[in-house]
């Protein structure tokens, strides 16, 4: 269980699980676990699905051509921080 996740990281983890229909609980995603390839095993299509879910829920777009995407999607923690900085409040 990911005890060190913040409440917002848990919220984003739940969004990922729901958006991708993963067969795991949101609290199984560790904050620093890589999301892409070797970590959680997600691919570019999964990242697109997550981007669409983030756009709907938080009111801003993650652009495919953003040069920071590799770091933004590097872990649950980095994605959550990016959303917190950019979301429409």
C-alpha atoms as a PDB file:
ATOM      1  CA  UNK A   1       0.000   0.000   0.000  1.00  0.00           C
ATOM      2  CA  UNK A   2       1.238   3.485  -0.860  1.00  0.00           C
ATOM      3  CA  UNK A   3       1.235   5.040   2.599  1.00  0.00           C
ATOM      4  CA  UNK A   4       3.421   7.986   1.615  1.00  0.00           C
ATOM      5  CA  UNK A   5       1.017   9.331  -1.015  1.00  0.00           C
ATOM      6  CA  UNK A   6      -0.598  12.695  -0.304  1.00  0.00           C
ATOM      7  CA  UNK A   7      -4.392  12.960  -0.506  1.00  0.00           C
ATOM      8  CA  UNK A   8      -4.098  14.701  -3.894  1.00  0.00           C
ATOM      9  CA  UNK A   9      -1.727  11.993  -5.187  1.00  0.00           C
ATOM     10  CA  UNK A  10      -4.349   9.444  -4.124  1.00  0.00           C
ATOM     11  CA  UNK A  11      -6.983  11.436  -6.050  1.00  0.00           C
ATOM     12  CA  UNK A  12      -4.808  11.442  -9.184  1.00  0.00           C
ATOM     13  CA  UNK A  13      -4.055   7.730  -8.746  1.00  0.00           C
ATOM     14  CA  UNK A  14      -7.798   7.043  -8.591  1.00  0.00           C
ATOM     15  CA  UNK A  15      -8.256   9.075 -11.789  1.00  0.00           C
ATOM     16  CA  UNK A  16      -5.562   6.984 -13.533  1.00  0.00           C
ATOM     17  CA  UNK A  17      -7.123   3.697 -12.378  1.00  0.00           C
ATOM     18  CA  UNK A  18     -10.582   4.845 -13.521  1.00  0.00           C
ATOM     19  CA  UNK A  19      -9.450   6.357 -16.835  1.00  0.00           C
ATOM     20  CA  UNK A  20      -7.492   3.254 -17.826  1.00  0.00           C
ATOM     21  CA  UNK A  21      -9.844   0.731 -16.220  1.00  0.00           C
ATOM     22  CA  UNK A  22      -6.871  -0.820 -14.414  1.00  0.00           C
ATOM     23  CA  UNK A  23      -7.360  -3.957 -12.383  1.00  0.00           C
ATOM     24  CA  UNK A  24      -5.694  -2.534  -9.292  1.00  0.00           C
ATOM     25  CA  UNK A  25      -6.548  -0.203  -6.438  1.00  0.00           C
ATOM     26  CA  UNK A  26      -5.427   3.417  -6.554  1.00  0.00           C
ATOM     27  CA  UNK A  27      -3.514   2.955  -3.308  1.00  0.00           C
ATOM     28  CA  UNK A  28      -1.292   0.371  -5.013  1.00  0.00           C
ATOM     29  CA  UNK A  29       0.348   3.105  -7.096  1.00  0.00           C
ATOM     30  CA  UNK A  30       3.438   4.413  -5.296  1.00  0.00           C
ATOM     31  CA  UNK A  31       4.079   8.164  -5.542  1.00  0.00           C
ATOM     32  CA  UNK A  32       7.590   7.747  -6.990  1.00  0.00           C
ATOM     33  CA  UNK A  33       6.854   4.642  -9.077  1.00  0.00           C
ATOM     34  CA  UNK A  34       7.449   5.305 -12.785  1.00  0.00           C
ATOM     35  CA  UNK A  35       4.169   5.405 -14.707  1.00  0.00           C
ATOM     36  CA  UNK A  36       5.666   4.693 -18.101  1.00  0.00           C
ATOM     37  CA  UNK A  37       7.006   1.354 -19.377  1.00  0.00           C
ATOM     38  CA  UNK A  38       9.006  -0.463 -16.650  1.00  0.00           C
ATOM     39  CA  UNK A  39       7.125   1.008 -13.694  1.00  0.00           C
ATOM     40  CA  UNK A  40       3.359   0.791 -13.990  1.00  0.00           C
ATOM     41  CA  UNK A  41       3.763  -0.393 -17.587  1.00  0.00           C
ATOM     42  CA  UNK A  42       1.752   2.338 -19.276  1.00  0.00           C
ATOM     43  CA  UNK A  43       2.299   3.298 -22.891  1.00  0.00           C
ATOM     44  CA  UNK A  44       1.723   6.404 -25.022  1.00  0.00           C
ATOM     45  CA  UNK A  45      -1.951   5.534 -25.612  1.00  0.00           C
ATOM     46  CA  UNK A  46      -2.439   5.283 -21.836  1.00  0.00           C
ATOM     47  CA  UNK A  47      -0.799   8.690 -21.418  1.00  0.00           C
ATOM     48  CA  UNK A  48      -3.247  10.127 -23.939  1.00  0.00           C
ATOM     49  CA  UNK A  49      -6.171   8.651 -21.977  1.00  0.00           C
ATOM     50  CA  UNK A  50      -4.791  10.126 -18.744  1.00  0.00           C
ATOM     51  CA  UNK A  51      -4.366  13.504 -20.455  1.00  0.00           C
ATOM     52  CA  UNK A  52      -8.003  13.473 -21.568  1.00  0.00           C
ATOM     53  CA  UNK A  53      -9.192  12.557 -18.064  1.00  0.00           C
ATOM     54  CA  UNK A  54      -7.044  15.319 -16.525  1.00  0.00           C
ATOM     55  CA  UNK A  55      -8.433  17.825 -19.025  1.00  0.00           C
ATOM     56  CA  UNK A  56     -12.036  16.912 -18.151  1.00  0.00           C
ATOM     57  CA  UNK A  57     -11.530  16.878 -14.394  1.00  0.00           C
ATOM     58  CA  UNK A  58      -9.066  19.719 -13.838  1.00  0.00           C
ATOM     59  CA  UNK A  59      -9.804  22.105 -16.726  1.00  0.00           C
ATOM     60  CA  UNK A  60      -6.467  22.344 -18.518  1.00  0.00           C
ATOM     61  CA  UNK A  61      -4.826  20.426 -21.336  1.00  0.00           C
ATOM     62  CA  UNK A  62      -1.676  18.364 -21.273  1.00  0.00           C
ATOM     63  CA  UNK A  63      -0.295  18.874 -24.758  1.00  0.00           C
ATOM     64  CA  UNK A  64       1.305  15.994 -26.657  1.00  0.00           C
ATOM     65  CA  UNK A  65       4.120  18.208 -27.941  1.00  0.00           C
ATOM     66  CA  UNK A  66       5.061  19.614 -24.513  1.00  0.00           C
ATOM     67  CA  UNK A  67       8.815  19.045 -24.056  1.00  0.00           C
ATOM     68  CA  UNK A  68       8.238  18.515 -20.310  1.00  0.00           C
ATOM     69  CA  UNK A  69       5.945  15.508 -20.784  1.00  0.00           C
ATOM     70  CA  UNK A  70       8.687  13.000 -19.970  1.00  0.00           C
ATOM     71  CA  UNK A  71       9.186  14.555 -16.548  1.00  0.00           C
ATOM     72  CA  UNK A  72       5.472  15.317 -16.033  1.00  0.00           C
ATOM     73  CA  UNK A  73       4.547  11.656 -16.565  1.00  0.00           C
ATOM     74  CA  UNK A  74       7.645  10.228 -14.876  1.00  0.00           C
ATOM     75  CA  UNK A  75       5.730   9.361 -11.676  1.00  0.00           C
ATOM     76  CA  UNK A  76       2.425   9.818  -9.898  1.00  0.00           C
ATOM     77  CA  UNK A  77       4.040  12.499  -7.715  1.00  0.00           C
ATOM     78  CA  UNK A  78       5.319  14.545 -10.681  1.00  0.00           C
ATOM     79  CA  UNK A  79       1.973  14.287 -12.480  1.00  0.00           C
ATOM     80  CA  UNK A  80       0.082  15.347  -9.337  1.00  0.00           C
ATOM     81  CA  UNK A  81       2.404  18.335  -8.841  1.00  0.00           C
ATOM     82  CA  UNK A  82       1.931  19.393 -12.471  1.00  0.00           C
ATOM     83  CA  UNK A  83      -1.857  19.189 -12.126  1.00  0.00           C
ATOM     84  CA  UNK A  84      -1.815  21.172  -8.861  1.00  0.00           C
ATOM     85  CA  UNK A  85       0.206  23.939 -10.525  1.00  0.00           C
ATOM     86  CA  UNK A  86      -1.931  24.172 -13.652  1.00  0.00           C
ATOM     87  CA  UNK A  87      -5.483  23.202 -12.751  1.00  0.00           C
ATOM     88  CA  UNK A  88      -8.331  25.666 -13.037  1.00  0.00           C
ATOM     89  CA  UNK A  89      -9.578  26.461  -9.551  1.00  0.00           C
END
